Amino acid sequence: MSDYIEKRVVVQAVPVGRTPVVETRIDSVVGERRGMSGVAVAALVVAAIAAAVVITMLILNSQQKRSDDLLAQERARTAAAQQAPAQPAPQQQPLILTLPASQPATVAVPSPVVTAVQPPPSYKDSAPSNAALEIDVTSLLQNDPELRTYALDVKVADGTAILNGNVSDEALKQLAGKLAGTVHGIRRVVNDIEVRP
């Protein structure tokens, strides 16, 4: 191996005169910040979304309040309309006539109104259609004073009348069947009317 020898030389600088100091000024582009940072942009976006949500909620709240007010007004009108018929109208005092004793008093008695049941139209030349038979049977049932208050359904197919609905007793059911059988063109009656007291 070879020997390694280290030599050191010390040089001392001795000022001989004035050395000029040169100052250089370099504008640094790296250190300057222009525009907005990412955090500032994110904060503005969040603030804009929050403002939009608040405005939307205010609009929805005002619309809901308006619809609630309209609903309350409608309920008040409905309640007033329902209460108006319930309140009895003020009754007028009946007229009292005093007749002299020499004249006999006559009292008018109301008589019941009698409506004649019209028979269905007669078909002499051709057989009536199913629709015409349904109309005839329905008219006959609705013209009967005992059956007119019940909702009875009539269907006719090939001369067969099918009766449906509800009545309060068996006698009314039988009456409806008999009336349907009297219509010209009805050959058979299927009485499916239910008795519900």
Protein backbone atom coordinates (compact mmCIF):
# COMPACT_ATOMS: atom_id res chain seq x y z
CA MET A 1 0.00 0.00 0.00
CA SER A 2 1.05 3.37 -0.70
CA ASP A 3 1.39 5.95 1.88
CA TYR A 4 -1.02 8.77 1.84
CA ILE A 5 0.41 12.07 2.81
CA GLU A 6 -1.69 15.08 3.51
CA LYS A 7 -0.40 18.53 2.97
CA ARG A 8 -2.13 21.66 4.06
CA VAL A 9 -1.53 25.10 2.85
CA VAL A 10 -3.04 28.01 4.76
CA VAL A 11 -3.51 31.15 2.79
CA GLN A 12 -4.45 34.25 4.60
CA ALA A 13 -6.05 37.01 2.75
CA VAL A 14 -4.73 40.27 3.80
CA PRO A 15 -6.69 43.25 2.72
CA VAL A 16 -4.59 45.47 0.63
CA GLY A 17 -7.12 48.00 -0.26
CA ARG A 18 -10.73 48.45 -0.56
CA THR A 19 -12.60 45.80 -2.35
CA PRO A 20 -15.80 46.92 -3.91
CA VAL A 21 -18.97 45.30 -2.60
CA VAL A 22 -21.33 44.40 -5.35
CA GLU A 23 -24.96 44.10 -4.42
CA THR A 24 -27.27 42.37 -6.79
CA ARG A 25 -30.97 42.46 -6.46
CA ILE A 26 -32.97 39.64 -8.06
CA ASP A 27 -36.75 39.79 -8.03
CA SER A 28 -38.03 36.55 -6.71
CA VAL A 29 -41.07 35.17 -8.47
CA VAL A 30 -41.32 32.15 -6.25
CA GLY A 31 -42.07 33.98 -3.04
CA GLU A 32 -44.97 36.08 -4.33
CA ARG A 33 -48.56 34.85 -4.23
CA ARG A 34 -51.04 36.15 -6.71
CA GLY A 35 -54.77 35.25 -6.86
CA MET A 36 -56.68 33.13 -4.36
CA SER A 37 -55.56 30.01 -2.64
CA GLY A 38 -57.44 26.71 -2.94
CA VAL A 39 -58.75 27.01 0.61
CA ALA A 40 -60.23 30.43 -0.12
CA VAL A 41 -61.96 29.11 -3.26
CA ALA A 42 -63.36 26.13 -1.33
CA ALA A 43 -64.63 28.45 1.40
CA LEU A 44 -66.41 30.63 -1.19
CA VAL A 45 -68.04 27.58 -2.83
CA VAL A 46 -69.29 26.29 0.53
CA ALA A 47 -70.63 29.75 1.41
CA ALA A 48 -72.46 29.97 -1.97
CA ILE A 49 -74.05 26.54 -1.48
CA ALA A 50 -75.11 27.44 2.07
CA ALA A 51 -76.66 30.69 0.82
CA ALA A 52 -78.54 28.82 -1.93
CA VAL A 53 -79.88 26.30 0.60
CA VAL A 54 -81.03 29.07 2.93
CA ILE A 55 -82.78 30.94 0.12
CA THR A 56 -84.46 27.74 -1.10
CA MET A 57 -85.66 26.97 2.43
CA LEU A 58 -87.07 30.47 2.81
CA ILE A 59 -88.95 30.16 -0.49
CA LEU A 60 -90.33 26.75 0.45
CA ASN A 61 -91.32 28.03 3.88
CA SER A 62 -93.22 30.97 2.40
CA GLN A 63 -94.98 28.67 -0.09
CA GLN A 64 -95.89 26.24 2.70
CA LYS A 65 -97.21 29.10 4.83
CA ARG A 66 -99.27 30.38 1.91
CA SER A 67 -100.76 26.93 1.26
CA ASP A 68 -101.45 26.49 5.00
CA ASP A 69 -103.26 29.85 5.04
CA LEU A 70 -105.33 28.89 2.00
CA LEU A 71 -106.17 25.52 3.58
CA ALA A 72 -107.21 27.22 6.82
CA GLN A 73 -109.45 29.62 4.89
CA GLU A 74 -111.01 26.73 2.96
CA ARG A 75 -111.61 24.81 6.19
CA ALA A 76 -113.22 27.87 7.74
CA ARG A 77 -115.49 28.27 4.70
CA THR A 78 -116.41 24.58 4.80
CA ALA A 79 -117.14 24.71 8.52
CA ALA A 80 -119.29 27.81 8.02
CA ALA A 81 -121.15 26.16 5.16
CA GLN A 82 -121.79 23.03 7.24
CA GLN A 83 -122.99 25.03 10.21
CA ALA A 84 -125.33 27.20 8.18
CA PRO A 85 -127.82 24.41 7.28
CA ALA A 86 -127.55 22.99 10.79
CA GLN A 87 -128.85 26.20 12.32
CA PRO A 88 -132.62 26.26 12.16
CA ALA A 89 -134.10 29.17 10.32
CA PRO A 90 -136.12 31.45 12.50
CA GLN A 91 -139.67 30.21 12.41
CA GLN A 92 -142.37 32.62 11.55
CA GLN A 93 -145.25 32.86 13.90
CA PRO A 94 -148.32 31.17 12.47
CA LEU A 95 -151.16 33.41 11.49
CA ILE A 96 -154.08 33.15 13.82
CA LEU A 97 -157.39 34.13 12.34
CA THR A 98 -160.37 34.65 14.51
CA LEU A 99 -163.58 34.00 12.63
CA PRO A 100 -166.95 35.12 13.85
CA ALA A 101 -169.07 32.35 15.30
CA SER A 102 -171.60 32.61 12.48
CA GLN A 103 -169.15 31.21 9.90
CA PRO A 104 -168.03 27.58 10.14
CA ALA A 105 -164.27 27.05 10.17
CA THR A 106 -162.82 24.95 7.40
CA VAL A 107 -159.49 23.24 7.76
CA ALA A 108 -157.56 22.19 4.71
CA VAL A 109 -156.29 18.63 4.97
CA PRO A 110 -153.38 17.78 2.72
CA SER A 111 -154.06 14.80 0.53
CA PRO A 112 -151.36 12.33 -0.42
CA VAL A 113 -149.91 12.68 -3.86
CA VAL A 114 -150.60 9.59 -5.94
CA THR A 115 -148.39 8.89 -8.89
CA ALA A 116 -149.47 6.34 -11.39
CA VAL A 117 -147.01 3.67 -12.33
CA GLN A 118 -146.66 3.71 -16.05
CA PRO A 119 -146.24 0.33 -17.66
CA PRO A 120 -143.24 -0.02 -19.91
CA PRO A 121 -143.82 0.51 -23.60
CA SER A 122 -145.09 -2.53 -25.43
CA TYR A 123 -143.27 -4.07 -28.34
CA LYS A 124 -145.56 -5.77 -30.83
CA ASP A 125 -143.55 -6.27 -34.01
CA SER A 126 -140.03 -7.12 -32.84
CA ALA A 127 -138.22 -8.36 -29.74
CA PRO A 128 -136.82 -5.48 -27.68
CA SER A 129 -133.07 -5.12 -27.23
CA ASN A 130 -131.30 -5.95 -23.98
CA ALA A 131 -130.67 -2.24 -23.30
CA ALA A 132 -134.35 -1.39 -23.86
CA LEU A 133 -135.39 -4.20 -21.50
CA GLU A 134 -132.93 -2.96 -18.85
CA ILE A 135 -134.40 0.52 -19.12
CA ASP A 136 -137.97 -0.82 -18.89
CA VAL A 137 -137.26 -2.97 -15.81
CA THR A 138 -135.25 -0.22 -14.10
CA SER A 139 -138.00 2.33 -14.76
CA LEU A 140 -140.62 -0.01 -13.37
CA LEU A 141 -138.59 -0.62 -10.20
CA GLN A 142 -137.86 3.09 -9.71
CA ASN A 143 -141.52 4.02 -10.18
CA ASP A 144 -142.62 1.66 -7.41
CA PRO A 145 -143.08 3.66 -4.19
CA GLU A 146 -141.68 0.86 -2.00
CA LEU A 147 -138.62 0.09 -4.13
CA ARG A 148 -137.56 3.55 -5.34
CA THR A 149 -135.39 4.21 -2.26
CA TYR A 150 -133.19 1.18 -2.93
CA ALA A 151 -130.30 1.09 -5.40
CA LEU A 152 -131.15 -1.91 -7.55
CA ASP A 153 -129.08 -2.90 -10.56
CA VAL A 154 -130.66 -4.57 -13.59
CA LYS A 155 -128.82 -6.46 -16.32
CA VAL A 156 -130.62 -8.21 -19.19
CA ALA A 157 -129.17 -10.87 -21.48
CA ASP A 158 -131.29 -12.82 -23.99
CA GLY A 159 -134.56 -12.13 -22.17
CA THR A 160 -133.14 -13.00 -18.72
CA ALA A 161 -133.23 -10.17 -16.17
CA ILE A 162 -130.58 -10.33 -13.42
CA LEU A 163 -131.42 -8.20 -10.38
CA ASN A 164 -128.74 -7.10 -7.88
CA GLY A 165 -128.76 -4.81 -4.87
CA ASN A 166 -129.94 -4.70 -1.25
CA VAL A 167 -133.41 -4.37 0.26
CA SER A 168 -134.59 -4.38 3.86
CA ASP A 169 -136.92 -7.43 3.77
CA GLU A 170 -137.87 -10.52 1.77
CA ALA A 171 -141.21 -9.06 0.64
CA LEU A 172 -139.43 -6.24 -1.21
CA LYS A 173 -137.11 -8.75 -2.86
CA GLN A 174 -140.09 -10.78 -4.08
CA LEU A 175 -141.87 -7.61 -5.25
CA ALA A 176 -138.86 -6.59 -7.35
CA GLY A 177 -138.73 -10.05 -8.94
CA LYS A 178 -142.45 -10.02 -9.75
CA LEU A 179 -142.31 -6.51 -11.24
CA ALA A 180 -139.33 -7.44 -13.42
CA GLY A 181 -141.22 -10.50 -14.69
CA THR A 182 -144.15 -8.36 -15.88
CA VAL A 183 -142.05 -6.52 -18.48
CA HIS A 184 -142.78 -7.65 -22.04
CA GLY A 185 -139.73 -9.48 -23.38
CA ILE A 186 -138.47 -10.78 -20.02
CA ARG A 187 -138.75 -14.57 -20.06
CA ARG A 188 -136.82 -15.34 -16.87
CA VAL A 189 -135.77 -13.41 -13.73
CA VAL A 190 -132.65 -14.18 -11.68
CA ASN A 191 -133.23 -12.42 -8.37
CA ASP A 192 -129.80 -11.89 -6.72
CA ILE A 193 -131.05 -9.10 -4.47
CA GLU A 194 -129.76 -9.46 -0.91
CA VAL A 195 -131.94 -8.86 2.15
CA ARG A 196 -130.13 -6.67 4.68
CA PRO A 197 -132.36 -5.27 7.43
